[in-house]
PDB file of N, CA and C in Angstrom:
ATOM      1  N   MET A   1      39.048  -8.218  26.630  1.00  0.00           N
ATOM      2  CA  MET A   1      39.102  -7.158  25.626  1.00  0.00           C
ATOM      3  C   MET A   1      37.678  -6.722  25.274  1.00  0.00           C
ATOM      4  N   VAL A   2      37.443  -5.429  25.221  1.00  0.00           N
ATOM      5  CA  VAL A   2      36.122  -4.891  24.928  1.00  0.00           C
ATOM      6  C   VAL A   2      35.990  -4.676  23.422  1.00  0.00           C
ATOM      7  N   ASN A   3      34.865  -5.121  22.889  1.00  0.00           N
ATOM      8  CA  ASN A   3      34.591  -4.921  21.456  1.00  0.00           C
ATOM      9  C   ASN A   3      33.995  -3.533  21.269  1.00  0.00           C
ATOM     10  N   SER A   4      34.744  -2.636  20.654  1.00  0.00           N
ATOM     11  CA  SER A   4      34.276  -1.254  20.496  1.00  0.00           C
ATOM     12  C   SER A   4      33.412  -1.056  19.251  1.00  0.00           C
ATOM     13  N   LEU A   5      33.265  -2.088  18.429  1.00  0.00           N
ATOM     14  CA  LEU A   5      32.474  -1.935  17.212  1.00  0.00           C
ATOM     15  C   LEU A   5      30.999  -1.675  17.518  1.00  0.00           C
ATOM     16  N   GLY A   6      30.517  -2.155  18.635  1.00  0.00           N
ATOM     17  CA  GLY A   6      29.113  -1.971  18.991  1.00  0.00           C
ATOM     18  C   GLY A   6      28.735  -0.517  19.194  1.00  0.00           C
ATOM     19  N   THR A   7      29.687   0.313  19.520  1.00  0.00           N
ATOM     20  CA  THR A   7      29.368   1.722  19.763  1.00  0.00           C
ATOM     21  C   THR A   7      29.525   2.583  18.509  1.00  0.00           C
ATOM     22  N   VAL A   8      30.078   2.024  17.453  1.00  0.00           N
ATOM     23  CA  VAL A   8      30.302   2.815  16.245  1.00  0.00           C
ATOM     24  C   VAL A   8      28.989   3.150  15.549  1.00  0.00           C
ATOM     25  N   LEU A   9      28.116   2.180  15.393  1.00  0.00           N
ATOM     26  CA  LEU A   9      26.843   2.410  14.715  1.00  0.00           C
ATOM     27  C   LEU A   9      25.694   2.281  15.704  1.00  0.00           C
ATOM     28  N   GLU A  10      25.397   3.341  16.359  1.00  0.00           N
ATOM     29  CA  GLU A  10      24.257   3.328  17.273  1.00  0.00           C
ATOM     30  C   GLU A  10      22.991   3.443  16.443  1.00  0.00           C
ATOM     31  N   PRO A  11      21.963   2.649  16.746  1.00  0.00           N
ATOM     32  CA  PRO A  11      20.743   2.654  15.924  1.00  0.00           C
ATOM     33  C   PRO A  11      20.144   4.034  15.696  1.00  0.00           C
ATOM     34  N   LYS A  12      20.086   4.868  16.703  1.00  0.00           N
ATOM     35  CA  LYS A  12      19.467   6.186  16.542  1.00  0.00           C
ATOM     36  C   LYS A  12      20.256   7.058  15.574  1.00  0.00           C
ATOM     37  N   LYS A  13      21.562   6.971  15.619  1.00  0.00           N
ATOM     38  CA  LYS A  13      22.382   7.800  14.742  1.00  0.00           C
ATOM     39  C   LYS A  13      22.411   7.258  13.315  1.00  0.00           C
ATOM     40  N   SER A  14      22.412   5.959  13.159  1.00  0.00           N
ATOM     41  CA  SER A  14      22.501   5.396  11.819  1.00  0.00           C
ATOM     42  C   SER A  14      21.211   5.581  11.029  1.00  0.00           C
ATOM     43  N   LYS A  15      20.104   5.825  11.711  1.00  0.00           N
ATOM     44  CA  LYS A  15      18.827   6.017  11.036  1.00  0.00           C
ATOM     45  C   LYS A  15      18.434   7.490  10.943  1.00  0.00           C
ATOM     46  N   ALA A  16      19.357   8.364  11.286  1.00  0.00           N
ATOM     47  CA  ALA A  16      19.061   9.800  11.244  1.00  0.00           C
ATOM     48  C   ALA A  16      18.697  10.208   9.821  1.00  0.00           C
ATOM     49  N   LYS A  17      17.636  10.983   9.697  1.00  0.00           N
ATOM     50  CA  LYS A  17      17.161  11.417   8.391  1.00  0.00           C
ATOM     51  C   LYS A  17      17.926  12.659   7.961  1.00  0.00           C
ATOM     52  N   TYR A  18      18.325  12.670   6.695  1.00  0.00           N
ATOM     53  CA  TYR A  18      18.978  13.856   6.152  1.00  0.00           C
ATOM     54  C   TYR A  18      17.952  14.976   6.056  1.00  0.00           C
ATOM     55  N   PRO A  19      18.376  16.223   6.268  1.00  0.00           N
ATOM     56  CA  PRO A  19      17.410  17.331   6.179  1.00  0.00           C
ATOM     57  C   PRO A  19      16.844  17.466   4.769  1.00  0.00           C
ATOM     58  N   GLU A  20      15.563  17.726   4.700  1.00  0.00           N
ATOM     59  CA  GLU A  20      14.895  17.924   3.417  1.00  0.00           C
ATOM     60  C   GLU A  20      14.296  19.317   3.370  1.00  0.00           C
ATOM     61  N   GLY A  21      13.993  19.748   2.170  1.00  0.00           N
ATOM     62  CA  GLY A  21      13.386  21.058   1.985  1.00  0.00           C
ATOM     63  C   GLY A  21      12.283  21.001   0.958  1.00  0.00           C
ATOM     64  N   ARG A  22      11.352  21.940   1.091  1.00  0.00           N
ATOM     65  CA  ARG A  22      10.244  22.090   0.143  1.00  0.00           C
ATOM     66  C   ARG A  22      10.449  23.391  -0.620  1.00  0.00           C
ATOM     67  N   VAL A  23      10.369  23.313  -1.948  1.00  0.00           N
ATOM     68  CA  VAL A  23      10.507  24.493  -2.804  1.00  0.00           C
ATOM     69  C   VAL A  23       9.094  24.903  -3.225  1.00  0.00           C
ATOM     70  N   ILE A  24       8.716  26.137  -2.859  1.00  0.00           N
ATOM     71  CA  ILE A  24       7.346  26.607  -3.077  1.00  0.00           C
ATOM     72  C   ILE A  24       7.361  27.901  -3.888  1.00  0.00           C
ATOM     73  N   VAL A  25       6.617  27.880  -4.989  1.00  0.00           N
ATOM     74  CA  VAL A  25       6.454  29.071  -5.834  1.00  0.00           C
ATOM     75  C   VAL A  25       5.177  29.785  -5.398  1.00  0.00           C
ATOM     76  N   LEU A  26       5.263  31.117  -5.300  1.00  0.00           N
ATOM     77  CA  LEU A  26       4.120  31.936  -4.907  1.00  0.00           C
ATOM     78  C   LEU A  26       3.541  32.674  -6.115  1.00  0.00           C
ATOM     79  N   ASP A  27       2.265  32.973  -6.030  1.00  0.00           N
ATOM     80  CA  ASP A  27       1.593  33.741  -7.083  1.00  0.00           C
ATOM     81  C   ASP A  27       2.066  35.193  -7.044  1.00  0.00           C
ATOM     82  N   ASP A  28       2.118  35.812  -8.192  1.00  0.00           N
ATOM     83  CA  ASP A  28       2.434  37.234  -8.279  1.00  0.00           C
ATOM     84  C   ASP A  28       1.668  37.822  -9.463  1.00  0.00           C
ATOM     85  N   ASN A  29       1.805  39.112  -9.662  1.00  0.00           N
ATOM     86  CA  ASN A  29       1.054  39.788 -10.720  1.00  0.00           C
ATOM     87  C   ASN A  29       1.890  40.118 -11.950  1.00  0.00           C
ATOM     88  N   PHE A  30       3.097  39.571 -12.036  1.00  0.00           N
ATOM     89  CA  PHE A  30       3.944  39.967 -13.161  1.00  0.00           C
ATOM     90  C   PHE A  30       4.517  38.813 -13.967  1.00  0.00           C
ATOM     91  N   ASN A  31       4.647  37.618 -13.421  1.00  0.00           N
ATOM     92  CA  ASN A  31       5.148  36.491 -14.212  1.00  0.00           C
ATOM     93  C   ASN A  31       4.008  35.858 -14.997  1.00  0.00           C
ATOM     94  N   THR A  32       4.278  35.565 -16.264  1.00  0.00           N
ATOM     95  CA  THR A  32       3.257  34.933 -17.092  1.00  0.00           C
ATOM     96  C   THR A  32       3.209  33.437 -16.811  1.00  0.00           C
ATOM     97  N   PHE A  33       2.084  32.827 -17.160  1.00  0.00           N
ATOM     98  CA  PHE A  33       1.941  31.381 -17.012  1.00  0.00           C
ATOM     99  C   PHE A  33       3.056  30.682 -17.781  1.00  0.00           C
ATOM    100  N   GLN A  34       3.310  31.137 -19.011  1.00  0.00           N
ATOM    101  CA  GLN A  34       4.334  30.524 -19.858  1.00  0.00           C
ATOM    102  C   GLN A  34       5.705  30.584 -19.200  1.00  0.00           C
ATOM    103  N   HIS A  35       6.033  31.733 -18.616  1.00  0.00           N
ATOM    104  CA  HIS A  35       7.348  31.895 -17.977  1.00  0.00           C
ATOM    105  C   HIS A  35       7.491  30.939 -16.791  1.00  0.00           C
ATOM    106  N   VAL A  36       6.474  30.880 -15.950  1.00  0.00           N
ATOM    107  CA  VAL A  36       6.529  29.996 -14.782  1.00  0.00           C
ATOM    108  C   VAL A  36       6.688  28.541 -15.226  1.00  0.00           C
ATOM    109  N   ALA A  37       5.863  28.105 -16.150  1.00  0.00           N
ATOM    110  CA  ALA A  37       5.934  26.723 -16.640  1.00  0.00           C
ATOM    111  C   ALA A  37       7.303  26.428 -17.252  1.00  0.00           C
ATOM    112  N   ASN A  38       7.813  27.349 -18.075  1.00  0.00           N
ATOM    113  CA  ASN A  38       9.126  27.148 -18.695  1.00  0.00           C
ATOM    114  C   ASN A  38      10.234  27.038 -17.650  1.00  0.00           C
ATOM    115  N   CYS A  39      10.183  27.868 -16.625  1.00  0.00           N
ATOM    116  CA  CYS A  39      11.188  27.812 -15.558  1.00  0.00           C
ATOM    117  C   CYS A  39      11.149  26.457 -14.847  1.00  0.00           C
ATOM    118  N   LEU A  40       9.959  25.983 -14.552  1.00  0.00           N
ATOM    119  CA  LEU A  40       9.839  24.690 -13.874  1.00  0.00           C
ATOM    120  C   LEU A  40      10.404  23.566 -14.739  1.00  0.00           C
ATOM    121  N   ILE A  41      10.081  23.585 -16.015  1.00  0.00           N
ATOM    122  CA  ILE A  41      10.566  22.540 -16.930  1.00  0.00           C
ATOM    123  C   ILE A  41      12.088  22.589 -17.038  1.00  0.00           C
ATOM    124  N   THR A  42      12.640  23.782 -17.115  1.00  0.00           N
ATOM    125  CA  THR A  42      14.076  23.959 -17.301  1.00  0.00           C
ATOM    126  C   THR A  42      14.876  23.621 -16.047  1.00  0.00           C
ATOM    127  N   ILE A  43      14.374  23.975 -14.882  1.00  0.00           N
ATOM    128  CA  ILE A  43      15.167  23.900 -13.652  1.00  0.00           C
ATOM    129  C   ILE A  43      14.920  22.635 -12.829  1.00  0.00           C
ATOM    130  N   ILE A  44      13.687  22.204 -12.725  1.00  0.00           N
ATOM    131  CA  ILE A  44      13.374  21.047 -11.876  1.00  0.00           C
ATOM    132  C   ILE A  44      13.577  19.754 -12.679  1.00  0.00           C
ATOM    133  N   PRO A  45      14.479  18.875 -12.223  1.00  0.00           N
ATOM    134  CA  PRO A  45      14.732  17.632 -12.961  1.00  0.00           C
ATOM    135  C   PRO A  45      13.469  16.779 -13.107  1.00  0.00           C
ATOM    136  N   SER A  46      13.333  16.166 -14.245  1.00  0.00           N
ATOM    137  CA  SER A  46      12.218  15.252 -14.547  1.00  0.00           C
ATOM    138  C   SER A  46      10.844  15.923 -14.516  1.00  0.00           C
ATOM    139  N   MET A  47      10.812  17.242 -14.622  1.00  0.00           N
ATOM    140  CA  MET A  47       9.531  17.957 -14.642  1.00  0.00           C
ATOM    141  C   MET A  47       8.933  17.833 -16.036  1.00  0.00           C
ATOM    142  N   SER A  48       7.760  17.223 -16.106  1.00  0.00           N
ATOM    143  CA  SER A  48       7.082  17.105 -17.399  1.00  0.00           C
ATOM    144  C   SER A  48       6.365  18.416 -17.718  1.00  0.00           C
ATOM    145  N   GLU A  49       6.058  18.595 -18.978  1.00  0.00           N
ATOM    146  CA  GLU A  49       5.338  19.801 -19.381  1.00  0.00           C
ATOM    147  C   GLU A  49       3.959  19.839 -18.723  1.00  0.00           C
ATOM    148  N   LYS A  50       3.282  18.704 -18.683  1.00  0.00           N
ATOM    149  CA  LYS A  50       1.952  18.648 -18.063  1.00  0.00           C
ATOM    150  C   LYS A  50       2.019  19.001 -16.580  1.00  0.00           C
ATOM    151  N   ARG A  51       2.995  18.424 -15.869  1.00  0.00           N
ATOM    152  CA  ARG A  51       3.138  18.696 -14.426  1.00  0.00           C
ATOM    153  C   ARG A  51       3.463  20.175 -14.202  1.00  0.00           C
ATOM    154  N   ALA A  52       4.329  20.742 -15.039  1.00  0.00           N
ATOM    155  CA  ALA A  52       4.686  22.157 -14.903  1.00  0.00           C
ATOM    156  C   ALA A  52       3.454  23.043 -15.064  1.00  0.00           C
ATOM    157  N   TRP A  53       2.622  22.735 -16.061  1.00  0.00           N
ATOM    158  CA  TRP A  53       1.410  23.536 -16.265  1.00  0.00           C
ATOM    159  C   TRP A  53       0.409  23.320 -15.136  1.00  0.00           C
ATOM    160  N   ASP A  54       0.272  22.095 -14.640  1.00  0.00           N
ATOM    161  CA  ASP A  54      -0.619  21.832 -13.500  1.00  0.00           C
ATOM    162  C   ASP A  54      -0.189  22.649 -12.284  1.00  0.00           C
ATOM    163  N   LEU A  55       1.112  22.677 -12.019  1.00  0.00           N
ATOM    164  CA  LEU A  55       1.627  23.450 -10.880  1.00  0.00           C
ATOM    165  C   LEU A  55       1.449  24.948 -11.105  1.00  0.00           C
ATOM    166  N   THR A  56       1.647  25.403 -12.329  1.00  0.00           N
ATOM    167  CA  THR A  56       1.467  26.822 -12.650  1.00  0.00           C
ATOM    168  C   THR A  56       0.025  27.254 -12.398  1.00  0.00           C
ATOM    169  N   PHE A  57      -0.932  26.438 -12.831  1.00  0.00           N
ATOM    170  CA  PHE A  57      -2.342  26.752 -12.581  1.00  0.00           C
ATOM    171  C   PHE A  57      -2.668  26.712 -11.088  1.00  0.00           C
ATOM    172  N   LYS A  58      -2.035  25.781 -10.361  1.00  0.00           N
ATOM    173  CA  LYS A  58      -2.259  25.703  -8.915  1.00  0.00           C
ATOM    174  C   LYS A  58      -1.746  26.967  -8.218  1.00  0.00           C
ATOM    175  N   VAL A  59      -0.590  27.451  -8.648  1.00  0.00           N
ATOM    176  CA  VAL A  59      -0.050  28.698  -8.085  1.00  0.00           C
ATOM    177  C   VAL A  59      -1.051  29.829  -8.285  1.00  0.00           C
ATOM    178  N   ASP A  60      -1.601  29.926  -9.490  1.00  0.00           N
ATOM    179  CA  ASP A  60      -2.556  30.991  -9.795  1.00  0.00           C
ATOM    180  C   ASP A  60      -3.842  30.843  -8.984  1.00  0.00           C
ATOM    181  N   LYS A  61      -4.320  29.627  -8.860  1.00  0.00           N
ATOM    182  CA  LYS A  61      -5.613  29.397  -8.200  1.00  0.00           C
ATOM    183  C   LYS A  61      -5.532  29.469  -6.674  1.00  0.00           C
ATOM    184  N   THR A  62      -4.475  28.901  -6.089  1.00  0.00           N
ATOM    185  CA  THR A  62      -4.403  28.802  -4.628  1.00  0.00           C
ATOM    186  C   THR A  62      -3.392  29.752  -3.995  1.00  0.00           C
ATOM    187  N   GLY A  63      -2.552  30.383  -4.814  1.00  0.00           N
ATOM    188  CA  GLY A  63      -1.574  31.325  -4.279  1.00  0.00           C
ATOM    189  C   GLY A  63      -0.179  30.745  -4.114  1.00  0.00           C
ATOM    190  N   SER A  64      -0.061  29.405  -4.157  1.00  0.00           N
ATOM    191  CA  SER A  64       1.260  28.778  -4.024  1.00  0.00           C
ATOM    192  C   SER A  64       1.182  27.322  -4.452  1.00  0.00           C
ATOM    193  N   ALA A  65       2.363  26.751  -4.722  1.00  0.00           N
ATOM    194  CA  ALA A  65       2.443  25.323  -5.032  1.00  0.00           C
ATOM    195  C   ALA A  65       3.843  24.825  -4.699  1.00  0.00           C
ATOM    196  N   GLU A  66       3.885  23.648  -4.093  1.00  0.00           N
ATOM    197  CA  GLU A  66       5.157  22.983  -3.859  1.00  0.00           C
ATOM    198  C   GLU A  66       5.590  22.378  -5.194  1.00  0.00           C
ATOM    199  N   VAL A  67       6.752  22.801  -5.682  1.00  0.00           N
ATOM    200  CA  VAL A  67       7.211  22.327  -6.990  1.00  0.00           C
ATOM    201  C   VAL A  67       8.303  21.271  -6.882  1.00  0.00           C
ATOM    202  N   TRP A  68       8.887  21.138  -5.691  1.00  0.00           N
ATOM    203  CA  TRP A  68       9.906  20.120  -5.480  1.00  0.00           C
ATOM    204  C   TRP A  68      10.097  19.898  -3.988  1.00  0.00           C
ATOM    205  N   ARG A  69      10.419  18.644  -3.620  1.00  0.00           N
ATOM    206  CA  ARG A  69      10.722  18.312  -2.231  1.00  0.00           C
ATOM    207  C   ARG A  69      11.833  17.264  -2.238  1.00  0.00           C
ATOM    208  N   GLY A  70      12.811  17.464  -1.385  1.00  0.00           N
ATOM    209  CA  GLY A  70      13.903  16.496  -1.303  1.00  0.00           C
ATOM    210  C   GLY A  70      15.082  17.064  -0.541  1.00  0.00           C
ATOM    211  N   ASN A  71      16.258  16.533  -0.837  1.00  0.00           N
ATOM    212  CA  ASN A  71      17.495  16.918  -0.181  1.00  0.00           C
ATOM    213  C   ASN A  71      17.599  18.443  -0.054  1.00  0.00           C
ATOM    214  N   LEU A  72      17.938  18.910   1.136  1.00  0.00           N
ATOM    215  CA  LEU A  72      17.958  20.348   1.424  1.00  0.00           C
ATOM    216  C   LEU A  72      18.917  21.118   0.508  1.00  0.00           C
ATOM    217  N   GLU A  73      20.082  20.560   0.238  1.00  0.00           N
ATOM    218  CA  GLU A  73      21.030  21.264  -0.631  1.00  0.00           C
ATOM    219  C   GLU A  73      20.477  21.426  -2.047  1.00  0.00           C
ATOM    220  N   GLN A  74      19.830  20.384  -2.561  1.00  0.00           N
ATOM    221  CA  GLN A  74      19.218  20.488  -3.888  1.00  0.00           C
ATOM    222  C   GLN A  74      18.063  21.485  -3.852  1.00  0.00           C
ATOM    223  N   ALA A  75      17.276  21.454  -2.781  1.00  0.00           N
ATOM    224  CA  ALA A  75      16.163  22.393  -2.641  1.00  0.00           C
ATOM    225  C   ALA A  75      16.677  23.828  -2.692  1.00  0.00           C
ATOM    226  N   GLU A  76      17.785  24.082  -2.006  1.00  0.00           N
ATOM    227  CA  GLU A  76      18.360  25.428  -2.003  1.00  0.00           C
ATOM    228  C   GLU A  76      18.808  25.833  -3.408  1.00  0.00           C
ATOM    229  N   LEU A  77      19.384  24.889  -4.142  1.00  0.00           N
ATOM    230  CA  LEU A  77      19.826  25.172  -5.507  1.00  0.00           C
ATOM    231  C   LEU A  77      18.640  25.510  -6.407  1.00  0.00           C
ATOM    232  N   TYR A  78      17.596  24.680  -6.400  1.00  0.00           N
ATOM    233  CA  TYR A  78      16.424  24.928  -7.248  1.00  0.00           C
ATOM    234  C   TYR A  78      15.728  26.222  -6.854  1.00  0.00           C
ATOM    235  N   HIS A  79      15.648  26.483  -5.559  1.00  0.00           N
ATOM    236  CA  HIS A  79      15.037  27.719  -5.061  1.00  0.00           C
ATOM    237  C   HIS A  79      15.780  28.929  -5.628  1.00  0.00           C
ATOM    238  N   GLU A  80      17.100  28.908  -5.531  1.00  0.00           N
ATOM    239  CA  GLU A  80      17.912  30.025  -6.018  1.00  0.00           C
ATOM    240  C   GLU A  80      17.780  30.195  -7.532  1.00  0.00           C
ATOM    241  N   GLN A  81      17.767  29.086  -8.263  1.00  0.00           N
ATOM    242  CA  GLN A  81      17.653  29.166  -9.720  1.00  0.00           C
ATOM    243  C   GLN A  81      16.291  29.721 -10.140  1.00  0.00           C
ATOM    244  N   LEU A  82      15.222  29.275  -9.489  1.00  0.00           N
ATOM    245  CA  LEU A  82      13.884  29.790  -9.812  1.00  0.00           C
ATOM    246  C   LEU A  82      13.790  31.275  -9.454  1.00  0.00           C
ATOM    247  N   PHE A  83      14.328  31.638  -8.294  1.00  0.00           N
ATOM    248  CA  PHE A  83      14.331  33.032  -7.865  1.00  0.00           C
ATOM    249  C   PHE A  83      15.101  33.904  -8.862  1.00  0.00           C
ATOM    250  N   SER A  84      16.240  33.388  -9.346  1.00  0.00           N
ATOM    251  CA  SER A  84      17.056  34.169 -10.286  1.00  0.00           C
ATOM    252  C   SER A  84      16.355  34.368 -11.627  1.00  0.00           C
ATOM    253  N   LYS A  85      15.370  33.547 -11.937  1.00  0.00           N
ATOM    254  CA  LYS A  85      14.571  33.696 -13.163  1.00  0.00           C
ATOM    255  C   LYS A  85      13.389  34.645 -12.947  1.00  0.00           C
ATOM    256  N   GLY A  86      13.270  35.173 -11.727  1.00  0.00           N
ATOM    257  CA  GLY A  86      12.236  36.157 -11.453  1.00  0.00           C
ATOM    258  C   GLY A  86      10.971  35.621 -10.801  1.00  0.00           C
ATOM    259  N   LEU A  87      10.955  34.317 -10.474  1.00  0.00           N
ATOM    260  CA  LEU A  87       9.754  33.790  -9.823  1.00  0.00           C
ATOM    261  C   LEU A  87       9.697  34.251  -8.373  1.00  0.00           C
ATOM    262  N   THR A  88       8.497  34.406  -7.864  1.00  0.00           N
ATOM    263  CA  THR A  88       8.296  34.799  -6.479  1.00  0.00           C
ATOM    264  C   THR A  88       8.290  33.513  -5.645  1.00  0.00           C
ATOM    265  N   MET A  89       9.229  33.431  -4.708  1.00  0.00           N
ATOM    266  CA  MET A  89       9.447  32.202  -3.963  1.00  0.00           C
ATOM    267  C   MET A  89       9.161  32.381  -2.480  1.00  0.00           C
ATOM    268  N   ALA A  90       8.563  31.355  -1.881  1.00  0.00           N
ATOM    269  CA  ALA A  90       8.446  31.311  -0.428  1.00  0.00           C
ATOM    270  C   ALA A  90       9.804  30.882   0.120  1.00  0.00           C
ATOM    271  N   PRO A  91      10.100  31.217   1.378  1.00  0.00           N
ATOM    272  CA  PRO A  91      11.340  30.685   1.962  1.00  0.00           C
ATOM    273  C   PRO A  91      11.285  29.149   1.932  1.00  0.00           C
ATOM    274  N   ILE A  92      12.442  28.530   1.823  1.00  0.00           N
ATOM    275  CA  ILE A  92      12.477  27.065   1.811  1.00  0.00           C
ATOM    276  C   ILE A  92      11.924  26.551   3.131  1.00  0.00           C
ATOM    277  N   GLU A  93      11.014  25.611   3.046  1.00  0.00           N
ATOM    278  CA  GLU A  93      10.477  24.994   4.253  1.00  0.00           C
ATOM    279  C   GLU A  93      11.278  23.733   4.516  1.00  0.00           C
ATOM    280  N   LYS A  94      11.922  23.679   5.674  1.00  0.00           N
ATOM    281  CA  LYS A  94      12.707  22.499   6.039  1.00  0.00           C
ATOM    282  C   LYS A  94      11.786  21.468   6.680  1.00  0.00           C
ATOM    283  N   THR A  95      11.950  20.216   6.238  1.00  0.00           N
ATOM    284  CA  THR A  95      11.110  19.140   6.784  1.00  0.00           C
ATOM    285  C   THR A  95      11.961  18.112   7.478  1.00  0.00           C
TER     286      THR A  95
END
């Protein structure tokens, strides 16, 4: 009798990484610092006020900032929510 359990969990398949995404806010000429920071605090879980302001300043200074990275479905949700608040968003970067 052949033991078929060995083929159920192949090492390569069991270690497959779930798709992740990066949520990136872009600089624009119409959103205020306060609005961007408030959106980050409201939408991104566990976002501290200090971190939100640091990211807001980074967006202004460098043109963009990654505000969240993780599970692709969650990334899509946060991206859509930030976009719906009027923030200028880069397309989700899949990692």
